[in-house]
Amino acid sequence: MARAPVMAAGGIVLRRGSVPLIAVVRQRKRNEWVLPKGKLDDGETPKEAAHREVLEETGHDVAVHEFLGTLVYQSGGRSKVVHFWRMEAEGGPVRKLMNDIKAVDWLALDDAIGRLSREYERAFLTQIGPIALAASGLVPTDVASPTPISESASPLASDEIDAALQTLTPAEAASVDELRHGLLQKVKAWLRGEA
């Protein structure tokens, strides 16, 4: 039986200035630069978790705005589903960074994309960053149309997935369909606040 996906939430955190800045955080254990995010606590909604995780990882209280998108990837042999909201930092830091985080940097969009250690987060921020900036009124709307992700930037191109699916036995294909259905139902329940 497939393991349930890890449900998490985070933010594309903006700070206003002459150049709008985006928060990226450095993990202490892995020494990687990532977007601020983390797992849900029991009884927490995704939006509540996103707010808490961003506060803990950046030290900044934030205003949480609209939902921006979902990033799904493999971590530790399980699917991880992370929902992101647009957020804006309000003033300076209000608390120390959590122990898991070594540093927070505020960078212009292109620099933030370049700083991220994980390719799938770079691809995600390339797509969502301009939308977040436009929604904040920090750049003209016509400038914020996202650049298409190249097939090499995506974890698996759709042609590769289709080719792999063609090699499955009927039993394996049924297992993949069951996993997809279960994951979809789990995400839907989570978004309704039932998980």
Protein backbone atom coordinates (compact mmCIF):
# COMPACT_ATOMS: atom_id res chain seq x y z
CA MET A 1 0.00 0.00 0.00
CA ALA A 2 1.31 3.45 -0.90
CA ARG A 3 2.27 5.78 1.92
CA ALA A 4 0.17 8.89 2.37
CA PRO A 5 1.75 12.08 1.02
CA VAL A 6 3.31 14.59 3.38
CA MET A 7 1.12 17.70 3.42
CA ALA A 8 2.91 21.03 3.84
CA ALA A 9 2.44 24.74 3.24
CA GLY A 10 4.56 27.83 2.79
CA GLY A 11 4.84 31.25 1.29
CA ILE A 12 6.33 33.34 -1.44
CA VAL A 13 7.22 36.10 1.01
CA LEU A 14 7.69 39.61 -0.38
CA ARG A 15 9.20 42.72 1.18
CA ARG A 16 8.55 46.12 -0.37
CA GLY A 17 11.38 48.45 -1.28
CA SER A 18 12.92 50.21 -4.26
CA VAL A 19 13.42 46.66 -5.55
CA PRO A 20 10.88 44.12 -4.24
CA LEU A 21 12.58 41.29 -2.37
CA ILE A 22 11.68 37.62 -1.82
CA ALA A 23 12.66 35.56 1.24
CA VAL A 24 14.71 32.39 0.89
CA VAL A 25 15.93 30.43 3.91
CA ARG A 26 19.03 28.31 4.51
CA GLN A 27 18.50 24.99 6.23
CA ARG A 28 20.99 24.27 8.99
CA LYS A 29 21.15 20.46 8.56
CA ARG A 30 21.39 20.24 4.75
CA ASN A 31 22.89 23.70 4.19
CA GLU A 32 20.44 24.19 1.29
CA TRP A 33 18.59 27.37 0.29
CA VAL A 34 14.84 26.77 0.03
CA LEU A 35 11.49 28.55 0.05
CA PRO A 36 10.03 28.90 3.57
CA LYS A 37 7.60 26.04 4.20
CA GLY A 38 6.83 23.11 6.47
CA LYS A 39 4.49 20.33 7.51
CA LEU A 40 1.04 20.90 8.97
CA ASP A 41 0.53 20.44 12.71
CA ASP A 42 -2.49 18.42 13.84
CA GLY A 43 -5.72 20.37 13.44
CA GLU A 44 -4.07 23.13 11.42
CA THR A 45 -5.42 24.35 8.09
CA PRO A 46 -2.94 24.71 5.21
CA LYS A 47 -3.20 28.50 5.36
CA GLU A 48 -2.56 28.53 9.13
CA ALA A 49 0.43 26.23 8.66
CA ALA A 50 1.84 28.46 5.92
CA HIS A 51 1.63 31.51 8.20
CA ARG A 52 3.21 29.69 11.17
CA GLU A 53 6.02 28.13 9.12
CA VAL A 54 6.94 31.44 7.48
CA LEU A 55 7.03 33.18 10.89
CA GLU A 56 9.24 30.42 12.33
CA GLU A 57 11.59 30.23 9.36
CA THR A 58 11.96 33.93 8.49
CA GLY A 59 11.33 35.53 11.89
CA HIS A 60 8.88 37.94 10.24
CA ASP A 61 5.17 38.29 10.83
CA VAL A 62 3.42 38.35 7.48
CA ALA A 63 0.10 39.21 5.92
CA VAL A 64 -1.19 36.14 4.06
CA HIS A 65 -2.85 36.91 0.74
CA GLU A 66 -4.05 34.73 -2.14
CA PHE A 67 -3.19 31.12 -2.85
CA LEU A 68 -0.50 30.89 -5.55
CA GLY A 69 -0.06 27.24 -6.38
CA THR A 70 1.04 23.77 -5.38
CA LEU A 71 4.41 22.08 -5.68
CA VAL A 72 4.56 18.25 -5.54
CA TYR A 73 7.83 16.35 -5.32
CA GLN A 74 9.42 13.24 -3.80
CA SER A 75 11.12 13.51 -0.40
CA GLY A 76 12.35 10.54 1.61
CA GLY A 77 10.48 8.06 -0.58
CA ARG A 78 7.15 9.85 -0.17
CA SER A 79 5.26 12.45 -2.14
CA LYS A 80 5.33 15.89 -0.57
CA VAL A 81 2.49 18.27 -1.47
CA VAL A 82 3.23 21.92 -0.63
CA HIS A 83 0.67 24.70 -1.08
CA PHE A 84 1.97 28.27 -1.33
CA TRP A 85 0.36 31.64 -0.59
CA ARG A 86 1.54 35.11 -1.46
CA MET A 87 2.68 36.87 1.71
CA GLU A 88 4.12 40.24 2.61
CA ALA A 89 6.46 40.86 5.52
CA GLU A 90 5.26 43.49 7.95
CA GLY A 91 8.19 45.45 9.39
CA GLY A 92 11.31 43.85 10.79
CA PRO A 93 11.82 40.47 12.43
CA VAL A 94 9.64 39.76 15.48
CA ARG A 95 11.36 36.58 16.64
CA LYS A 96 14.53 34.52 16.29
CA LEU A 97 14.78 31.98 13.50
CA MET A 98 13.86 28.41 14.42
CA ASN A 99 16.81 26.09 15.10
CA ASP A 100 16.43 24.28 11.75
CA ILE A 101 17.11 27.52 9.86
CA LYS A 102 20.61 29.01 9.61
CA ALA A 103 19.80 32.23 7.74
CA VAL A 104 17.20 34.16 5.78
CA ASP A 105 18.10 36.29 2.75
CA TRP A 106 15.90 38.84 1.00
CA LEU A 107 16.71 38.89 -2.71
CA ALA A 108 15.39 40.27 -5.98
CA LEU A 109 13.38 37.66 -7.90
CA ASP A 110 16.14 36.56 -10.30
CA ASP A 111 18.67 36.35 -7.46
CA ALA A 112 16.22 34.37 -5.30
CA ILE A 113 15.65 31.91 -8.16
CA GLY A 114 19.41 31.53 -8.59
CA ARG A 115 20.01 31.05 -4.86
CA LEU A 116 17.55 28.16 -4.43
CA SER A 117 19.31 24.80 -4.15
CA ARG A 118 16.55 22.62 -5.59
CA GLU A 119 15.74 22.67 -9.30
CA TYR A 120 12.01 22.12 -8.76
CA GLU A 121 11.82 25.13 -6.42
CA ARG A 122 13.72 27.26 -8.96
CA ALA A 123 11.22 26.21 -11.67
CA PHE A 124 8.28 26.91 -9.34
CA LEU A 125 9.54 30.38 -8.34
CA THR A 126 10.31 31.19 -12.00
CA GLN A 127 6.61 30.63 -12.74
CA ILE A 128 4.99 31.95 -9.55
CA GLY A 129 7.36 34.79 -8.58
CA PRO A 130 6.25 37.20 -11.33
CA ILE A 131 2.60 36.44 -10.53
CA ALA A 132 3.19 37.17 -6.83
CA LEU A 133 4.94 40.46 -7.65
CA ALA A 134 2.15 41.52 -10.00
CA ALA A 135 -0.54 40.62 -7.45
CA SER A 136 1.27 42.81 -4.91
CA GLY A 137 1.34 45.71 -7.36
CA LEU A 138 5.14 45.69 -7.21
CA VAL A 139 5.65 45.32 -10.97
CA PRO A 140 3.45 46.19 -13.95
CA THR A 141 1.07 43.34 -14.84
CA ASP A 142 2.39 43.03 -18.41
CA VAL A 143 5.91 42.35 -17.09
CA ALA A 144 4.71 39.54 -14.84
CA SER A 145 3.71 36.95 -17.42
CA PRO A 146 5.63 33.79 -16.51
CA THR A 147 8.24 32.25 -18.75
CA PRO A 148 7.38 28.68 -19.77
CA ILE A 149 9.28 25.99 -17.89
CA SER A 150 11.53 24.05 -20.24
CA GLU A 151 11.18 20.27 -20.23
CA SER A 152 14.67 20.02 -18.75
CA ALA A 153 13.55 22.10 -15.75
CA SER A 154 10.63 19.84 -14.88
CA PRO A 155 11.33 16.73 -12.76
CA LEU A 156 9.89 14.45 -15.52
CA ALA A 157 8.76 15.64 -18.93
CA SER A 158 5.30 14.41 -19.92
CA ASP A 159 6.73 12.39 -22.85
CA GLU A 160 8.96 10.49 -20.40
CA ILE A 161 6.00 9.79 -18.13
CA ASP A 162 3.86 8.57 -21.05
CA ALA A 163 6.67 6.29 -22.24
CA ALA A 164 7.15 4.85 -18.74
CA LEU A 165 3.41 4.23 -18.34
CA GLN A 166 3.35 2.23 -21.60
CA THR A 167 5.80 -0.29 -20.10
CA LEU A 168 3.60 -1.13 -17.08
CA THR A 169 1.76 -4.40 -16.68
CA PRO A 170 -2.03 -4.13 -16.16
CA ALA A 171 -1.54 -4.74 -12.42
CA GLU A 172 1.13 -2.03 -12.19
CA ALA A 173 -1.05 0.40 -14.15
CA ALA A 174 -3.96 -0.27 -11.77
CA SER A 175 -1.63 0.41 -8.82
CA VAL A 176 -0.55 3.74 -10.34
CA ASP A 177 -4.18 4.71 -10.94
CA GLU A 178 -5.06 3.79 -7.34
CA LEU A 179 -2.14 5.86 -6.02
CA ARG A 180 -3.15 8.87 -8.15
CA HIS A 181 -6.78 8.61 -7.00
CA GLY A 182 -5.75 8.27 -3.33
CA LEU A 183 -3.40 11.25 -3.56
CA LEU A 184 -6.06 13.37 -5.25
CA GLN A 185 -8.62 12.47 -2.56
CA LYS A 186 -6.11 13.26 0.22
CA VAL A 187 -5.31 16.67 -1.30
CA LYS A 188 -9.01 17.49 -1.72
CA ALA A 189 -9.75 16.53 1.91
CA TRP A 190 -6.77 18.55 3.09
CA LEU A 191 -7.88 21.64 1.18
CA ARG A 192 -11.34 21.29 2.75
CA GLY A 193 -9.64 21.19 6.18
CA GLU A 194 -10.68 17.57 6.81
CA ALA A 195 -7.22 16.01 6.91
